[in-house]
Amino acid sequence: MSKRVGPVLALLLLVALAAAAWWAGATTVDGTSTDAEGTTPTTDGIPSAATPATVEYVHDGDTLFLDDGRKVRLLGIDTPEVGEHAECYGDEATALLRSLLPEGSSVRVLADVQPLDQYGRSLLFVYRDDATLVNLAMLESGAAEAVVLEPNVLFAERLRAAEDDARAAGLGLWGACG
């Protein structure tokens, strides 16, 4: 019987260490909890690091301007082109983003690791006041495809899963653009 005590104690110690490691990864330095992506949500469901902004104009399905002068490229998504190089579902994606983010809308924005792209656009996740993550909503409706580029991998699993679900259901561009 005493020969079994050693392995049992080792297993218990391993479980305790794993629990401690999980707890350390799930809390911030000040002891507040984080979600699966490592962000600290507030009571309204928007990460506490998100900052307030106001939408000035939506250019296309994945690009908008804020009233502080920032040109924003929505992180984690790509929508069909509009204008001279128009692609199938580009106008619909633009219309959807405009309906989600009307001019003058109050939003909160969240950057990931790399704040700007090679064109100087701010790379951001955008939340509506009702806690809708707009980037994710575009994918869920089938108006965009998920494009996750390192080092900006926050929400990557959720974004890819949303695209997979929309594609499987034939929503948006997945049903219209064959």
Protein backbone atom coordinates (compact mmCIF):
# COMPACT_ATOMS: atom_id res chain seq x y z
CA MET A 1 0.00 0.00 0.00
CA SER A 2 2.85 2.45 0.76
CA LYS A 3 4.19 1.99 -2.78
CA ARG A 4 0.99 3.56 -4.14
CA VAL A 5 1.21 6.66 -1.95
CA GLY A 6 4.17 8.10 -3.91
CA PRO A 7 2.44 8.08 -7.32
CA VAL A 8 -0.82 9.34 -5.83
CA LEU A 9 0.94 12.25 -4.12
CA ALA A 10 2.82 13.03 -7.33
CA LEU A 11 -0.46 13.07 -9.26
CA LEU A 12 -2.10 15.32 -6.67
CA LEU A 13 0.88 17.68 -6.80
CA LEU A 14 0.71 17.76 -10.59
CA VAL A 15 -3.01 18.58 -10.51
CA ALA A 16 -2.42 21.33 -7.93
CA LEU A 17 0.36 22.85 -10.04
CA ALA A 18 -1.79 22.72 -13.17
CA ALA A 19 -4.65 24.44 -11.33
CA ALA A 20 -2.29 27.12 -10.02
CA ALA A 21 -0.90 27.71 -13.52
CA TRP A 22 -4.41 27.98 -14.95
CA TRP A 23 -5.43 30.42 -12.22
CA ALA A 24 -2.34 32.57 -12.83
CA GLY A 25 -3.17 32.69 -16.55
CA ALA A 26 -6.83 33.49 -15.92
CA THR A 27 -6.24 36.46 -13.66
CA THR A 28 -4.46 39.72 -14.10
CA VAL A 29 -1.86 41.12 -11.75
CA ASP A 30 -4.57 42.89 -9.77
CA GLY A 31 -6.58 39.65 -9.44
CA THR A 32 -9.35 40.46 -11.93
CA SER A 33 -10.43 37.65 -14.22
CA THR A 34 -9.85 37.45 -17.97
CA ASP A 35 -11.78 35.77 -20.74
CA ALA A 36 -10.50 32.99 -23.03
CA GLU A 37 -8.64 35.49 -25.20
CA GLY A 38 -6.91 37.11 -22.23
CA THR A 39 -8.91 40.34 -22.25
CA THR A 40 -10.54 41.74 -19.15
CA PRO A 41 -14.25 42.21 -19.84
CA THR A 42 -16.27 44.87 -18.07
CA THR A 43 -19.79 44.33 -16.80
CA ASP A 44 -21.13 45.33 -20.22
CA GLY A 45 -19.14 42.60 -22.03
CA ILE A 46 -16.65 44.93 -23.70
CA PRO A 47 -12.96 44.51 -22.80
CA SER A 48 -11.83 47.13 -20.30
CA ALA A 49 -8.92 48.12 -22.57
CA ALA A 50 -11.30 49.26 -25.33
CA THR A 51 -11.39 53.03 -25.74
CA PRO A 52 -14.32 55.22 -26.79
CA ALA A 53 -14.57 56.61 -30.33
CA THR A 54 -17.17 57.94 -32.75
CA VAL A 55 -17.77 56.68 -36.28
CA GLU A 56 -17.42 59.39 -38.91
CA TYR A 57 -17.88 57.38 -42.11
CA VAL A 58 -17.87 53.77 -43.34
CA HIS A 59 -15.82 53.49 -46.53
CA ASP A 60 -16.40 49.81 -47.34
CA GLY A 61 -17.06 46.51 -45.58
CA ASP A 62 -13.85 46.50 -43.55
CA THR A 63 -12.66 50.14 -43.52
CA LEU A 64 -14.05 53.16 -41.68
CA PHE A 65 -13.05 56.56 -40.39
CA LEU A 66 -13.35 57.79 -36.81
CA ASP A 67 -14.04 61.42 -35.92
CA ASP A 68 -10.55 61.73 -34.40
CA GLY A 69 -9.07 61.31 -37.90
CA ARG A 70 -8.09 57.65 -37.67
CA LYS A 71 -8.64 55.46 -40.70
CA VAL A 72 -9.53 52.01 -39.35
CA ARG A 73 -9.08 48.60 -40.92
CA LEU A 74 -11.18 46.03 -39.05
CA LEU A 75 -8.94 43.36 -37.59
CA GLY A 76 -9.40 39.71 -38.45
CA ILE A 77 -11.66 40.14 -41.48
CA ASP A 78 -11.55 40.85 -45.19
CA THR A 79 -14.59 41.84 -47.24
CA PRO A 80 -15.04 41.92 -51.01
CA GLU A 81 -13.86 45.07 -52.78
CA VAL A 82 -16.15 47.88 -53.99
CA GLY A 83 -15.74 50.58 -56.61
CA GLU A 84 -13.51 50.18 -59.66
CA HIS A 85 -12.38 46.69 -58.63
CA ALA A 86 -15.78 45.58 -57.29
CA GLU A 87 -16.20 41.97 -56.26
CA CYS A 88 -19.27 39.88 -55.59
CA TYR A 89 -20.93 40.92 -52.31
CA GLY A 90 -18.80 44.06 -51.83
CA ASP A 91 -21.77 46.44 -51.90
CA GLU A 92 -23.74 44.22 -49.51
CA ALA A 93 -20.83 44.03 -47.06
CA THR A 94 -20.49 47.82 -47.14
CA ALA A 95 -24.22 48.25 -46.55
CA LEU A 96 -24.10 45.85 -43.61
CA LEU A 97 -21.19 47.66 -41.96
CA ARG A 98 -22.99 50.99 -42.48
CA SER A 99 -26.10 49.56 -40.81
CA LEU A 100 -24.03 48.25 -37.88
CA LEU A 101 -22.05 51.50 -37.56
CA PRO A 102 -24.11 54.49 -38.70
CA GLU A 103 -22.34 57.84 -38.90
CA GLY A 104 -22.09 59.36 -35.43
CA SER A 105 -22.25 55.99 -33.64
CA SER A 106 -20.48 55.75 -30.33
CA VAL A 107 -18.19 52.73 -30.31
CA ARG A 108 -15.29 51.33 -28.35
CA VAL A 109 -12.18 50.18 -30.15
CA LEU A 110 -9.53 47.67 -29.18
CA ALA A 111 -6.12 47.21 -30.77
CA ASP A 112 -4.11 43.99 -30.72
CA VAL A 113 -0.31 43.65 -30.77
CA GLN A 114 0.40 45.56 -34.01
CA PRO A 115 -1.63 48.80 -33.97
CA LEU A 116 -1.07 49.93 -37.59
CA ASP A 117 -0.86 48.28 -41.00
CA GLN A 118 1.61 49.12 -43.77
CA TYR A 119 -0.71 51.91 -44.99
CA GLY A 120 -0.92 53.63 -41.60
CA ARG A 121 -4.46 52.46 -40.87
CA SER A 122 -5.36 51.64 -37.28
CA LEU A 123 -5.98 47.89 -36.94
CA LEU A 124 -8.88 47.60 -34.52
CA PHE A 125 -11.69 45.50 -33.16
CA VAL A 126 -14.83 47.64 -32.94
CA TYR A 127 -17.58 47.20 -30.35
CA ARG A 128 -21.00 48.78 -30.51
CA ASP A 129 -22.51 50.08 -27.28
CA ASP A 130 -24.63 46.90 -27.05
CA ALA A 131 -21.32 44.90 -26.84
CA THR A 132 -21.62 43.55 -30.39
CA LEU A 133 -18.14 42.84 -31.73
CA VAL A 134 -18.65 44.24 -35.23
CA ASN A 135 -15.75 42.30 -36.76
CA LEU A 136 -17.36 39.07 -35.58
CA ALA A 137 -20.85 40.14 -36.69
CA MET A 138 -19.57 40.68 -40.24
CA LEU A 139 -18.27 37.11 -40.28
CA GLU A 140 -21.39 35.63 -38.70
CA SER A 141 -23.55 37.15 -41.44
CA GLY A 142 -21.29 35.87 -44.21
CA ALA A 143 -20.21 39.36 -45.32
CA ALA A 144 -16.51 38.72 -44.69
CA GLU A 145 -13.88 36.04 -44.51
CA ALA A 146 -11.59 35.58 -41.52
CA VAL A 147 -8.02 36.72 -42.10
CA VAL A 148 -5.85 36.42 -39.02
CA LEU A 149 -2.30 37.64 -39.46
CA GLU A 150 0.32 37.34 -36.74
CA PRO A 151 1.05 38.97 -34.43
CA ASN A 152 -2.61 40.09 -34.24
CA VAL A 153 -4.26 36.84 -33.17
CA LEU A 154 -6.71 38.07 -30.52
CA PHE A 155 -10.11 36.36 -31.04
CA ALA A 156 -8.63 34.21 -33.87
CA GLU A 157 -10.54 31.06 -32.90
CA ARG A 158 -13.87 32.89 -32.63
CA LEU A 159 -13.34 34.64 -35.96
CA ARG A 160 -12.45 31.45 -37.82
CA ALA A 161 -15.36 29.56 -36.26
CA ALA A 162 -17.79 32.32 -37.28
CA GLU A 163 -16.58 32.13 -40.88
CA ASP A 164 -16.85 28.33 -40.86
CA ASP A 165 -20.43 28.51 -39.58
CA ALA A 166 -21.48 31.15 -42.14
CA ARG A 167 -19.83 29.22 -44.98
CA ALA A 168 -21.52 25.96 -43.92
CA ALA A 169 -24.91 27.70 -43.80
CA GLY A 170 -24.37 29.41 -47.18
CA LEU A 171 -24.85 32.86 -45.66
CA GLY A 172 -23.93 36.09 -47.39
CA LEU A 173 -21.13 35.85 -49.90
CA TRP A 174 -20.87 32.09 -49.31
CA GLY A 175 -24.32 31.61 -50.84
CA ALA A 176 -24.33 34.47 -53.31
CA CYS A 177 -20.91 34.28 -54.90
CA GLY A 178 -20.54 30.56 -55.62
